[in-house]
Amino acid sequence: MEQFRSSRVHFLEDGASVATGNPGRYPFLLNFLFETVLSWSPQATPHTLSRECSSEVWQQRIQDSRIRRSPSLQGAVVQKYIQDCQGELRTGPVGSWSNLLKMMTMKYSPQKHPFLSHVLFDLPGNIKLKGLLALKGDMKRRPLVILRLGIFSNVEDFKPERAWLMMLFEQMPFNVLVLENMSSSDFITNNSQFSFGGYDEGIQNILISRLLTHPDEPLSRIVDTVHLFGVSLGGHGVLFASLLNKYNSAINERSFIRSYTALCPVIDLQKTMQNLTRGGVGSAVVDLWSRQRLAGLEEKVPSVSTYERFSFLSHAIEEIARTYRGGLSYNSTVHLPPFMEDGSDFWRLNDFWSFYKNVEQPVFIYSTPKDPAVPYALNSQRLQNKEIKIESKNIRVIEVPEGVHCTLPVPYDWNAMASIFEATILSHSAGFKTIERSLQVDLFDEEWVGFIDAGSRVRFTARKPAPEAGYAPVEIEVTNSQGKSRTMNLSLPLSQFDFRFLNSELTESEQEMIVRWVNYNLKVHLVPGASGKYSLKALWHVAP
């Protein structure tokens, strides 16, 4: 990481994560329950889908040159895929509690992952913002996705967003930068000022995207394009950044942010916060959890320390809005839309929709009606129904029936969901094309000749590689037209994958990553030859 260090980008050594031991992080017992007792490791095992619902077919449609010119039309294709194929795509539990529990208990150790590095950004206003930089280990120019975390999440122990990092980094050809939410306890600890919401995070997103694409910044050498991907409260800042982008891109140059994806994002910050603190049992639970997660806030905002029972969060929000003095990292280099001015009116600045005009890049919003945290009726549905009037054709709301607060990888086919995000991001990464790698095995011996026929089908199962192995083991099963099956084993060389493995032995994180990568990227099929003989072809794609 030394080669990417600069005056504004600092890489933290192992164990030097700035806010070590922060009391606002997940409690030890809860961490133990989630990560040990209830933990499960997503395998991204491929499911058999019909030709009509094949993710490869729909990826091609999403990336069709005639479709991708119109984000609204592209979003309509995604909506049609989810709507027409939901019977096949719905492969997991749909219950609210099972969705939430499985999303929170995915086994993943970002602090022990060799491909992830702690990074600290110095932003205007003396703001320190922590991130987790996931690089493939080579110097190839790739699209970089900035993943903005949701409420309270920091890069030390984020849980609800782990699935998205697995998809975007481990399975797709992208590098990823994970950024903490401003409401995280680590942000509170590391900064003398505090705020939350899309106005401040949107400015941060612009500053960091500008930094990552500046030719004087070492990291820019491996950044092909930048894409923003925000979750929940983090989505609010992604949406504001989509408005700021055209005012802050270099003159006569293409926009440095090419696409925006927001999962169950906050649209109306004030009404959403009022809903969380409206009273009742649910609000009391939220208040207790907020009190634990925002530990240390009273040191930065002393007036927060006095509050009535079960009113900590509502009082904290009121005080933050009351004491707000303008964007924490706002300065004259950040250009706001015409007639919009920085100031002390917290709620007005975070209600930026009246300025939302002529956004040029695609903005995709995924929302679920089952959302107690960011209610659909108060947020995305208001855009969908044009209750919030905006002058932009490049924003599209995609309604997903299942998934509580966008726990989409749980009820739906993991790889199908990933394929949608990959297709939309790649379709707006002009100039970046993957190349094909393949391995072909001739099945010419007596065991296979005569067994394989024109009606034969082939499927595979990815196996976990041994720590010292330089290959990924894959079990192939061939079933002929008579229903008889035979298996064989393949060993795929890791040197031909989309990662540069530097350890002499694979860590557990790397082993699990390889399984997910193979299950998502590998395609196998039978190739007919002369005299009824067949070959098996395994193929996958990597960055050029």
Protein backbone atom coordinates (compact mmCIF):
# COMPACT_ATOMS: atom_id res chain seq x y z
CA MET A 1 0.00 0.00 0.00
CA GLU A 2 2.99 2.33 0.38
CA GLN A 3 2.94 3.19 -3.31
CA PHE A 4 -0.56 4.68 -2.91
CA ARG A 5 0.14 6.76 0.20
CA SER A 6 -0.20 10.55 -0.13
CA SER A 7 -0.72 13.64 1.99
CA ARG A 8 -4.49 13.04 1.97
CA VAL A 9 -4.62 9.24 1.93
CA HIS A 10 -3.08 7.38 4.87
CA PHE A 11 -2.85 3.61 5.18
CA LEU A 12 -3.13 2.31 8.74
CA GLU A 13 -0.98 -0.51 10.01
CA ASP A 14 -2.65 -3.60 11.44
CA GLY A 15 -4.07 -2.78 14.85
CA ALA A 16 -3.70 0.97 14.33
CA SER A 17 -7.29 1.57 13.30
CA VAL A 18 -7.46 4.98 15.06
CA ALA A 19 -10.50 4.34 17.25
CA THR A 20 -9.48 0.99 18.71
CA GLY A 21 -11.76 -0.20 21.51
CA ASN A 22 -14.52 2.28 20.78
CA PRO A 23 -17.45 1.57 23.14
CA GLY A 24 -19.95 2.39 20.41
CA ARG A 25 -19.11 -0.68 18.39
CA TYR A 26 -21.06 -3.92 18.62
CA PRO A 27 -20.91 -5.33 22.18
CA PHE A 28 -18.70 -8.37 22.69
CA LEU A 29 -21.55 -10.78 23.51
CA LEU A 30 -23.59 -9.69 20.50
CA ASN A 31 -20.53 -10.02 18.27
CA PHE A 32 -19.91 -13.50 19.64
CA LEU A 33 -23.51 -14.50 19.00
CA PHE A 34 -23.53 -13.14 15.43
CA GLU A 35 -20.06 -14.25 14.39
CA THR A 36 -19.73 -17.59 16.18
CA VAL A 37 -23.00 -19.13 17.32
CA LEU A 38 -25.24 -18.07 14.44
CA SER A 39 -22.71 -17.35 11.70
CA TRP A 40 -22.96 -18.86 8.23
CA SER A 41 -20.74 -18.47 5.20
CA PRO A 42 -22.42 -17.45 1.92
CA GLN A 43 -21.26 -19.76 -0.87
CA ALA A 44 -23.07 -18.07 -3.77
CA THR A 45 -24.00 -21.55 -4.95
CA PRO A 46 -25.57 -21.25 -8.42
CA HIS A 47 -29.19 -22.28 -8.79
CA THR A 48 -30.61 -23.74 -11.95
CA LEU A 49 -32.71 -21.11 -13.70
CA SER A 50 -34.73 -21.45 -16.86
CA ARG A 51 -33.49 -19.93 -20.09
CA GLU A 52 -36.10 -17.19 -19.75
CA CYS A 53 -34.75 -16.23 -16.31
CA SER A 54 -31.05 -16.85 -16.87
CA SER A 55 -28.96 -14.06 -15.38
CA GLU A 56 -26.64 -14.18 -18.41
CA VAL A 57 -29.56 -13.45 -20.73
CA TRP A 58 -30.80 -10.54 -18.63
CA GLN A 59 -27.27 -9.16 -18.18
CA GLN A 60 -27.00 -8.92 -21.95
CA ARG A 61 -30.33 -7.12 -22.13
CA ILE A 62 -29.34 -4.66 -19.39
CA GLN A 63 -26.04 -3.91 -21.16
CA ASP A 64 -27.53 -3.66 -24.65
CA SER A 65 -26.26 -0.44 -26.26
CA ARG A 66 -29.82 0.61 -27.10
CA ILE A 67 -30.94 0.12 -23.49
CA ARG A 68 -28.06 1.57 -21.51
CA ARG A 69 -28.42 5.00 -23.16
CA SER A 70 -31.57 5.47 -21.11
CA PRO A 71 -31.26 4.78 -17.36
CA SER A 72 -35.04 4.86 -17.11
CA LEU A 73 -35.34 2.15 -19.75
CA GLN A 74 -32.46 0.21 -18.22
CA GLY A 75 -34.17 0.34 -14.84
CA ALA A 76 -37.39 -0.85 -16.46
CA VAL A 77 -35.56 -3.92 -17.79
CA VAL A 78 -34.27 -4.68 -14.28
CA GLN A 79 -37.78 -4.24 -12.88
CA LYS A 80 -39.18 -6.61 -15.50
CA TYR A 81 -36.55 -9.24 -14.66
CA ILE A 82 -37.43 -9.15 -10.98
CA GLN A 83 -41.17 -9.09 -11.70
CA ASP A 84 -41.32 -11.76 -14.41
CA CYS A 85 -38.87 -14.17 -12.78
CA GLN A 86 -39.55 -13.67 -9.08
CA GLY A 87 -40.86 -17.23 -8.77
CA GLU A 88 -37.45 -18.62 -9.81
CA LEU A 89 -35.33 -15.89 -8.24
CA ARG A 90 -36.95 -16.32 -4.83
CA THR A 91 -34.73 -19.09 -3.46
CA GLY A 92 -34.48 -18.22 0.25
CA PRO A 93 -36.65 -17.40 3.26
CA VAL A 94 -38.97 -14.38 3.03
CA GLY A 95 -39.85 -13.94 6.72
CA SER A 96 -38.86 -10.62 8.25
CA TRP A 97 -36.89 -11.97 11.20
CA SER A 98 -35.18 -14.72 9.21
CA ASN A 99 -34.15 -12.14 6.60
CA LEU A 100 -32.69 -9.76 9.17
CA LEU A 101 -30.95 -12.50 11.15
CA LYS A 102 -29.29 -14.09 8.12
CA MET A 103 -28.17 -10.70 6.81
CA MET A 104 -26.56 -9.83 10.16
CA THR A 105 -24.84 -13.18 10.75
CA MET A 106 -22.91 -13.72 7.52
CA LYS A 107 -19.45 -15.01 8.29
CA TYR A 108 -16.90 -12.46 7.17
CA SER A 109 -13.70 -11.11 8.73
CA PRO A 110 -12.81 -7.83 7.02
CA GLN A 111 -10.01 -7.21 9.52
CA LYS A 112 -8.33 -10.52 8.63
CA HIS A 113 -8.85 -10.33 4.88
CA PRO A 114 -5.48 -9.98 3.07
CA PHE A 115 -7.03 -7.98 0.24
CA LEU A 116 -8.55 -5.31 2.51
CA SER A 117 -6.57 -2.39 3.95
CA HIS A 118 -7.54 0.31 6.44
CA VAL A 119 -7.32 3.79 4.96
CA LEU A 120 -7.86 7.24 6.44
CA PHE A 121 -8.84 10.28 4.36
CA ASP A 122 -8.05 13.84 5.41
CA LEU A 123 -10.88 16.08 4.22
CA PRO A 124 -11.46 19.85 4.48
CA GLY A 125 -12.62 21.06 7.88
CA ASN A 126 -10.09 18.76 9.57
CA ILE A 127 -12.43 15.84 9.03
CA LYS A 128 -11.01 12.32 9.23
CA LEU A 129 -12.96 9.65 7.38
CA LYS A 130 -12.14 5.97 7.72
CA GLY A 131 -12.37 3.50 4.91
CA LEU A 132 -11.55 -0.05 3.91
CA LEU A 133 -9.83 -0.32 0.54
CA ALA A 134 -10.28 -3.61 -1.30
CA LEU A 135 -7.79 -4.03 -4.15
CA LYS A 136 -7.30 -7.09 -6.35
CA GLY A 137 -3.53 -6.96 -5.81
CA ASP A 138 -2.51 -5.99 -9.34
CA MET A 139 -1.99 -2.65 -11.07
CA LYS A 140 -4.80 -3.06 -13.58
CA ARG A 141 -7.08 -0.09 -14.14
CA ARG A 142 -10.53 -1.14 -13.00
CA PRO A 143 -13.83 0.50 -12.14
CA LEU A 144 -13.80 1.48 -8.47
CA VAL A 145 -17.03 1.26 -6.47
CA ILE A 146 -17.39 3.42 -3.37
CA LEU A 147 -19.63 1.55 -0.92
CA ARG A 148 -21.17 3.98 1.57
CA LEU A 149 -22.36 2.23 4.73
CA GLY A 150 -25.67 2.72 6.52
CA ILE A 151 -26.59 4.19 9.89
CA PHE A 152 -24.09 3.57 12.73
CA SER A 153 -21.86 1.41 10.51
CA ASN A 154 -18.08 1.72 10.63
CA VAL A 155 -15.43 -0.22 8.77
CA GLU A 156 -14.39 -2.19 11.85
CA ASP A 157 -17.57 -4.14 12.50
CA PHE A 158 -20.14 -3.42 9.81
CA LYS A 159 -22.56 -6.31 9.41
CA PRO A 160 -25.68 -5.50 7.30
CA GLU A 161 -23.51 -4.42 4.34
CA ARG A 162 -21.08 -7.35 4.19
CA ALA A 163 -23.00 -9.06 1.39
CA TRP A 164 -22.48 -6.09 -0.89
CA LEU A 165 -18.71 -6.10 -0.32
CA MET A 166 -18.60 -9.83 -1.07
CA MET A 167 -20.49 -9.27 -4.32
CA LEU A 168 -18.84 -6.09 -5.55
CA PHE A 169 -15.26 -6.99 -4.70
CA GLU A 170 -14.97 -10.76 -4.39
CA GLN A 171 -17.19 -11.74 -7.29
CA MET A 172 -17.00 -8.83 -9.73
CA PRO A 173 -13.99 -7.29 -11.53
CA PHE A 174 -14.10 -4.12 -9.42
CA ASN A 175 -11.95 -2.61 -6.72
CA VAL A 176 -14.01 -1.28 -3.81
CA LEU A 177 -13.64 1.47 -1.23
CA VAL A 178 -15.89 1.04 1.83
CA LEU A 179 -16.56 4.29 3.70
CA GLU A 180 -17.97 4.62 7.20
CA ASN A 181 -21.24 6.40 7.86
CA MET A 182 -20.93 9.73 9.66
CA SER A 183 -23.27 8.38 12.34
CA SER A 184 -20.70 5.71 13.28
CA SER A 185 -19.08 5.82 16.70
CA ASP A 186 -15.63 5.81 15.09
CA PHE A 187 -16.44 9.00 13.18
CA ILE A 188 -17.62 10.57 16.44
CA THR A 189 -14.42 9.54 18.21
CA ASN A 190 -12.04 10.70 15.47
CA ASN A 191 -13.59 14.11 14.80
CA SER A 192 -14.30 17.21 16.85
CA GLN A 193 -17.43 17.99 14.82
CA PHE A 194 -20.43 15.82 14.13
CA SER A 195 -23.30 15.65 11.67
CA PHE A 196 -25.15 13.07 9.61
CA GLY A 197 -27.22 12.89 6.45
CA GLY A 198 -26.86 13.28 2.72
CA TYR A 199 -25.71 16.88 2.53
CA ASP A 200 -22.45 16.28 4.39
CA GLU A 201 -21.87 12.77 3.06
CA GLY A 202 -22.65 13.91 -0.49
CA ILE A 203 -19.91 16.54 -0.24
CA GLN A 204 -17.53 13.91 1.15
CA ASN A 205 -18.37 11.57 -1.73
CA ILE A 206 -17.55 14.29 -4.25
CA LEU A 207 -14.27 15.21 -2.55
CA ILE A 208 -13.10 11.60 -2.36
CA SER A 209 -14.17 10.80 -5.93
CA ARG A 210 -12.33 13.89 -7.13
CA LEU A 211 -9.27 12.83 -5.16
CA LEU A 212 -9.31 9.26 -6.52
CA THR A 213 -9.41 10.49 -10.12
CA HIS A 214 -6.87 13.30 -9.80
CA PRO A 215 -3.74 12.49 -11.85
CA ASP A 216 -1.44 13.59 -9.01
CA GLU A 217 -2.97 11.04 -6.63
CA PRO A 218 -1.14 7.67 -6.75
CA LEU A 219 -4.38 5.68 -6.42
CA SER A 220 -5.71 7.24 -9.63
CA ARG A 221 -3.34 5.01 -11.63
CA ILE A 222 -5.60 2.02 -11.00
CA VAL A 223 -8.98 3.81 -11.14
CA ASP A 224 -10.74 3.49 -14.48
CA THR A 225 -14.10 4.95 -13.44
CA VAL A 226 -15.84 5.69 -10.13
CA HIS A 227 -19.29 4.42 -9.15
CA LEU A 228 -21.21 5.14 -5.93
CA PHE A 229 -23.18 2.47 -4.09
CA GLY A 230 -25.01 3.54 -0.92
CA VAL A 231 -27.04 1.61 1.63
CA SER A 232 -29.90 3.07 3.70
CA LEU A 233 -28.72 6.34 5.29
CA GLY A 234 -25.55 6.05 3.18
CA GLY A 235 -27.78 6.14 0.11
CA HIS A 236 -28.93 9.67 1.00
CA GLY A 237 -25.42 11.01 0.44
CA VAL A 238 -25.06 9.02 -2.77
CA LEU A 239 -28.19 10.70 -4.13
CA PHE A 240 -26.96 14.18 -3.20
CA ALA A 241 -23.61 13.40 -4.84
CA SER A 242 -25.48 12.52 -8.05
CA LEU A 243 -26.81 16.09 -8.04
CA LEU A 244 -23.42 17.66 -7.20
CA ASN A 245 -21.47 15.67 -9.78
CA LYS A 246 -22.01 17.84 -12.86
CA TYR A 247 -21.17 21.02 -10.93
CA ASN A 248 -17.89 19.60 -9.67
CA SER A 249 -16.50 17.60 -12.61
CA ALA A 250 -13.60 19.09 -14.52
CA ILE A 251 -14.54 21.38 -17.40
CA ASN A 252 -14.49 19.69 -20.83
CA GLU A 253 -13.92 16.29 -19.21
CA ARG A 254 -16.30 13.42 -18.63
CA SER A 255 -17.88 13.11 -15.24
CA PHE A 256 -15.63 11.33 -12.76
CA ILE A 257 -18.60 9.46 -11.22
CA ARG A 258 -20.37 7.33 -13.81
CA SER A 259 -23.25 5.68 -11.97
CA TYR A 260 -25.15 5.70 -8.68
CA THR A 261 -26.89 2.84 -6.91
CA ALA A 262 -28.87 3.34 -3.70
CA LEU A 263 -30.39 0.46 -1.72
CA CYS A 264 -33.43 1.40 0.37
CA PRO A 265 -32.09 4.94 0.64
CA VAL A 266 -33.38 7.74 2.80
CA ILE A 267 -35.20 10.22 0.55
CA ASP A 268 -36.82 12.42 3.19
CA LEU A 269 -34.38 12.63 6.09
CA GLN A 270 -36.57 14.63 8.45
CA LYS A 271 -39.69 12.47 8.13
CA THR A 272 -37.65 9.26 8.33
CA MET A 273 -36.00 10.38 11.57
CA GLN A 274 -39.34 11.48 12.99
CA ASN A 275 -40.75 8.04 12.18
CA LEU A 276 -37.88 6.31 14.01
CA THR A 277 -38.56 8.38 17.14
CA ARG A 278 -42.37 8.59 17.02
CA GLY A 279 -42.84 6.63 20.26
CA GLY A 280 -43.96 3.11 21.13
CA VAL A 281 -42.09 -0.11 21.82
CA GLY A 282 -40.25 -0.09 18.50
CA SER A 283 -38.95 3.43 19.01
CA ALA A 284 -37.86 2.55 22.56
CA VAL A 285 -35.74 -0.32 21.21
CA VAL A 286 -34.29 1.95 18.55
CA ASP A 287 -33.54 4.56 21.21
CA LEU A 288 -31.67 2.08 23.45
CA TRP A 289 -29.67 0.78 20.51
CA SER A 290 -28.88 4.33 19.35
CA ARG A 291 -27.69 5.24 22.84
CA GLN A 292 -25.19 2.38 22.73
CA ARG A 293 -24.04 2.99 19.15
CA LEU A 294 -23.61 6.76 19.59
CA ALA A 295 -21.48 6.44 22.72
CA GLY A 296 -19.29 9.51 23.06
CA LEU A 297 -21.62 11.91 21.23
CA GLU A 298 -22.27 13.94 24.39
CA GLU A 299 -18.56 14.89 24.46
CA LYS A 300 -18.89 16.52 21.03
CA VAL A 301 -22.41 17.87 21.56
CA PRO A 302 -22.68 18.45 25.36
CA SER A 303 -26.34 19.47 25.19
CA VAL A 304 -27.18 15.89 24.18
CA SER A 305 -26.29 14.54 27.63
CA THR A 306 -29.60 15.59 29.24
CA TYR A 307 -32.69 13.84 27.93
CA GLU A 308 -35.88 12.18 29.09
CA ARG A 309 -36.34 8.42 29.20
CA PHE A 310 -36.35 6.78 25.76
CA SER A 311 -35.82 10.16 24.07
CA PHE A 312 -32.06 10.08 23.53
CA LEU A 313 -32.19 9.74 19.75
CA SER A 314 -34.91 12.33 19.18
CA HIS A 315 -33.13 14.79 21.47
CA ALA A 316 -29.76 14.11 19.80
CA ILE A 317 -31.24 14.73 16.35
CA GLU A 318 -32.81 17.98 17.52
CA GLU A 319 -29.55 19.19 19.06
CA ILE A 320 -27.45 18.29 16.04
CA ALA A 321 -29.86 20.23 13.82
CA ARG A 322 -29.98 23.16 16.26
CA THR A 323 -26.19 23.48 16.63
CA TYR A 324 -25.43 22.89 12.95
CA ARG A 325 -23.23 25.57 11.39
CA GLY A 326 -22.90 24.29 7.83
CA GLY A 327 -21.22 21.48 5.93
CA LEU A 328 -18.33 19.99 7.90
CA SER A 329 -16.17 19.62 4.78
CA TYR A 330 -17.78 22.32 2.66
CA ASN A 331 -15.46 24.93 1.15
CA SER A 332 -15.30 27.07 -1.96
CA THR A 333 -13.95 24.21 -4.09
CA VAL A 334 -17.27 22.42 -3.72
CA HIS A 335 -19.81 23.90 -6.12
CA LEU A 336 -23.46 23.66 -5.07
CA PRO A 337 -26.41 23.84 -7.48
CA PRO A 338 -27.58 27.34 -8.47
CA PHE A 339 -29.46 29.12 -5.67
CA MET A 340 -28.38 26.52 -3.09
CA GLU A 341 -26.13 27.92 -0.35
CA ASP A 342 -24.32 26.34 2.56
CA GLY A 343 -25.65 27.47 5.91
CA SER A 344 -26.99 26.49 9.31
CA ASP A 345 -30.41 25.19 8.27
CA PHE A 346 -29.73 21.47 8.65
CA TRP A 347 -33.09 20.20 7.40
CA ARG A 348 -33.26 22.55 4.42
CA LEU A 349 -29.81 21.47 3.20
CA ASN A 350 -30.73 17.81 3.52
CA ASP A 351 -33.95 18.33 1.58
CA PHE A 352 -32.20 18.89 -1.75
CA TRP A 353 -34.90 17.60 -4.10
CA SER A 354 -36.10 21.04 -5.22
CA PHE A 355 -32.64 21.50 -6.79
CA TYR A 356 -32.59 18.07 -8.43
CA LYS A 357 -32.51 18.91 -12.15
CA ASN A 358 -30.97 17.43 -15.27
CA VAL A 359 -28.80 14.81 -13.57
CA GLU A 360 -26.75 13.30 -16.37
CA GLN A 361 -25.55 10.00 -14.92
CA PRO A 362 -27.78 6.96 -14.19
CA VAL A 363 -29.27 6.72 -10.70
CA PHE A 364 -30.82 3.39 -9.68
CA ILE A 365 -32.83 3.14 -6.47
CA TYR A 366 -33.81 -0.30 -5.12
CA SER A 367 -36.48 -0.30 -2.43
CA THR A 368 -38.64 -2.84 -0.64
CA PRO A 369 -42.17 -2.21 0.68
CA LYS A 370 -41.17 -4.24 3.77
CA ASP A 371 -39.05 -1.59 5.43
CA PRO A 372 -39.61 -0.49 9.03
CA ALA A 373 -36.34 1.48 9.13
CA VAL A 374 -36.75 3.57 5.97
CA PRO A 375 -40.48 3.31 5.22
CA TYR A 376 -41.20 2.96 1.52
CA ALA A 377 -44.23 5.28 1.68
CA LEU A 378 -42.16 8.10 3.20
CA ASN A 379 -39.22 7.69 0.85
CA SER A 380 -38.79 5.93 -2.50
CA GLN A 381 -42.51 5.61 -3.20
CA ARG A 382 -42.80 9.40 -3.16
CA LEU A 383 -40.35 9.53 -6.05
CA GLN A 384 -42.09 6.63 -7.75
CA ASN A 385 -45.49 8.36 -7.50
CA LYS A 386 -43.99 11.74 -8.47
CA GLU A 387 -45.16 13.20 -5.17
CA ILE A 388 -41.64 14.63 -4.99
CA LYS A 389 -41.31 16.38 -8.33
CA ILE A 390 -37.87 16.34 -9.91
CA GLU A 391 -36.66 17.41 -13.32
CA SER A 392 -34.49 14.46 -14.26
CA LYS A 393 -35.07 11.47 -16.52
CA ASN A 394 -32.00 9.57 -15.34
CA ILE A 395 -33.34 8.39 -11.98
CA ARG A 396 -35.29 5.16 -11.65
CA VAL A 397 -36.93 3.49 -8.64
CA ILE A 398 -36.97 -0.32 -8.80
CA GLU A 399 -39.41 -1.97 -6.42
CA VAL A 400 -38.32 -5.34 -5.05
CA PRO A 401 -41.20 -7.23 -3.33
CA GLU A 402 -39.11 -9.28 -0.88
CA GLY A 403 -36.27 -8.39 1.46
CA VAL A 404 -36.73 -6.46 4.69
CA HIS A 405 -34.87 -3.15 4.33
CA CYS A 406 -33.03 -4.46 1.26
CA THR A 407 -31.88 -7.82 2.60
CA LEU A 408 -32.05 -8.87 -1.06
CA PRO A 409 -29.35 -11.60 -1.03
CA VAL A 410 -31.36 -13.60 1.52
CA PRO A 411 -34.75 -14.15 -0.17
CA TYR A 412 -33.44 -13.91 -3.74
CA ASP A 413 -30.85 -15.87 -5.68
CA TRP A 414 -27.51 -14.41 -4.59
CA ASN A 415 -25.84 -14.56 -7.99
CA ALA A 416 -28.85 -13.21 -9.86
CA MET A 417 -28.90 -10.14 -7.61
CA ALA A 418 -25.16 -9.69 -8.06
CA SER A 419 -25.52 -9.99 -11.84
CA ILE A 420 -27.94 -7.05 -11.91
CA PHE A 421 -25.53 -4.75 -10.09
CA GLU A 422 -22.58 -5.88 -12.17
CA ALA A 423 -24.46 -5.35 -15.43
CA THR A 424 -25.56 -1.81 -14.60
CA ILE A 425 -22.11 -0.76 -13.37
CA LEU A 426 -20.26 -2.33 -16.32
CA SER A 427 -22.68 -0.77 -18.81
CA HIS A 428 -21.55 2.64 -17.57
CA SER A 429 -17.83 1.82 -17.47
CA ALA A 430 -17.04 2.73 -21.07
CA GLY A 431 -13.69 1.37 -22.20
CA PHE A 432 -13.43 -1.38 -19.58
CA LYS A 433 -13.86 -4.83 -21.10
CA THR A 434 -13.09 -8.17 -19.49
CA ILE A 435 -11.29 -10.94 -21.33
CA GLU A 436 -12.02 -14.66 -21.39
CA ARG A 437 -9.90 -17.38 -19.79
CA SER A 438 -10.70 -21.03 -20.42
CA LEU A 439 -9.66 -24.60 -19.79
CA GLN A 440 -10.74 -27.42 -22.11
CA VAL A 441 -10.60 -31.12 -21.25
CA ASP A 442 -11.09 -33.79 -23.93
CA LEU A 443 -13.43 -36.58 -22.83
CA PHE A 444 -12.25 -39.11 -25.38
CA ASP A 445 -11.66 -42.19 -23.21
CA GLU A 446 -13.98 -45.16 -22.91
CA GLU A 447 -15.57 -43.89 -19.71
CA TRP A 448 -17.10 -40.92 -21.51
CA VAL A 449 -17.48 -41.96 -25.17
CA GLY A 450 -21.00 -43.29 -25.54
CA PHE A 451 -22.06 -41.99 -22.12
CA ILE A 452 -22.35 -38.35 -23.18
CA ASP A 453 -25.06 -37.64 -25.72
CA ALA A 454 -26.78 -34.61 -27.23
CA GLY A 455 -29.15 -34.36 -24.27
CA SER A 456 -26.44 -34.36 -21.59
CA ARG A 457 -26.32 -31.61 -18.98
CA VAL A 458 -23.38 -30.43 -16.90
CA ARG A 459 -23.18 -28.71 -13.53
CA PHE A 460 -20.37 -27.99 -11.09
CA THR A 461 -19.68 -27.63 -7.39
CA ALA A 462 -16.87 -25.36 -6.17
CA ARG A 463 -14.79 -26.84 -3.36
CA LYS A 464 -12.77 -24.97 -0.75
CA PRO A 465 -9.08 -25.05 -1.74
CA ALA A 466 -6.41 -26.25 0.65
CA PRO A 467 -4.32 -23.48 2.27
CA GLU A 468 -1.17 -24.43 0.33
CA ALA A 469 -2.95 -25.10 -2.97
CA GLY A 470 -2.35 -23.00 -6.06
CA TYR A 471 -5.58 -24.08 -7.63
CA ALA A 472 -9.34 -24.16 -7.01
CA PRO A 473 -10.88 -27.66 -6.99
CA VAL A 474 -14.16 -28.03 -8.85
CA GLU A 475 -16.32 -31.15 -9.05
CA ILE A 476 -18.07 -31.59 -12.40
CA GLU A 477 -21.23 -33.67 -12.72
CA VAL A 478 -22.43 -34.79 -16.15
CA THR A 479 -25.96 -36.18 -16.50
CA ASN A 480 -26.94 -37.77 -19.80
CA SER A 481 -30.38 -37.90 -21.42
CA GLN A 482 -31.18 -41.19 -19.63
CA GLY A 483 -30.67 -39.57 -16.22
CA LYS A 484 -27.38 -41.32 -15.45
CA SER A 485 -24.64 -39.21 -13.86
CA ARG A 486 -20.86 -39.31 -13.64
CA THR A 487 -18.43 -36.94 -11.97
CA MET A 488 -14.93 -35.69 -12.60
CA ASN A 489 -12.64 -33.19 -10.91
CA LEU A 490 -11.02 -30.07 -12.32
CA SER A 491 -8.23 -27.96 -10.86
CA LEU A 492 -8.42 -24.32 -11.96
CA PRO A 493 -5.15 -22.34 -11.57
CA LEU A 494 -5.44 -19.40 -9.18
CA SER A 495 -2.87 -17.54 -11.27
CA GLN A 496 -5.53 -17.22 -13.98
CA PHE A 497 -8.15 -15.72 -11.65
CA ASP A 498 -8.91 -12.03 -11.11
CA PHE A 499 -6.69 -11.73 -8.00
CA ARG A 500 -2.99 -11.70 -7.29
CA PHE A 501 -2.41 -14.02 -4.33
CA LEU A 502 0.72 -13.00 -2.44
CA ASN A 503 0.59 -15.29 0.63
CA SER A 504 2.46 -18.58 0.66
CA GLU A 505 -0.70 -20.11 2.11
CA LEU A 506 -4.30 -19.08 1.60
CA THR A 507 -6.08 -17.62 4.60
CA GLU A 508 -9.61 -18.71 5.50
CA SER A 509 -10.95 -15.42 4.09
CA GLU A 510 -9.21 -16.12 0.78
CA GLN A 511 -10.47 -19.70 0.65
CA GLU A 512 -14.07 -18.59 1.14
CA MET A 513 -13.60 -15.78 -1.38
CA ILE A 514 -12.38 -18.25 -4.02
CA VAL A 515 -15.48 -20.41 -3.57
CA ARG A 516 -17.76 -17.41 -4.04
CA TRP A 517 -15.76 -16.18 -7.05
CA VAL A 518 -15.85 -19.58 -8.79
CA ASN A 519 -19.55 -20.08 -8.11
CA TYR A 520 -20.34 -16.71 -9.65
CA ASN A 521 -17.87 -16.53 -12.54
CA LEU A 522 -17.32 -20.07 -13.77
CA LYS A 523 -19.31 -21.37 -16.74
CA VAL A 524 -19.01 -24.98 -17.92
CA HIS A 525 -20.46 -26.67 -20.98
CA LEU A 526 -19.94 -29.62 -23.28
CA VAL A 527 -18.42 -29.08 -26.72
CA PRO A 528 -19.37 -31.69 -29.36
CA GLY A 529 -16.61 -33.01 -31.64
CA ALA A 530 -16.15 -35.65 -34.32
CA SER A 531 -17.35 -39.24 -33.97
CA GLY A 532 -19.63 -38.48 -31.03
CA LYS A 533 -16.75 -37.34 -28.85
CA TYR A 534 -17.14 -34.41 -26.47
CA SER A 535 -14.89 -31.98 -24.65
CA LEU A 536 -15.61 -30.09 -21.46
CA LYS A 537 -14.93 -26.36 -21.58
CA ALA A 538 -14.65 -24.26 -18.43
CA LEU A 539 -14.49 -20.50 -18.95
CA TRP A 540 -14.46 -17.32 -16.90
CA HIS A 541 -13.68 -13.62 -17.41
CA VAL A 542 -11.02 -11.40 -15.82
CA ALA A 543 -9.83 -7.82 -16.19
CA PRO A 544 -7.52 -7.34 -19.19
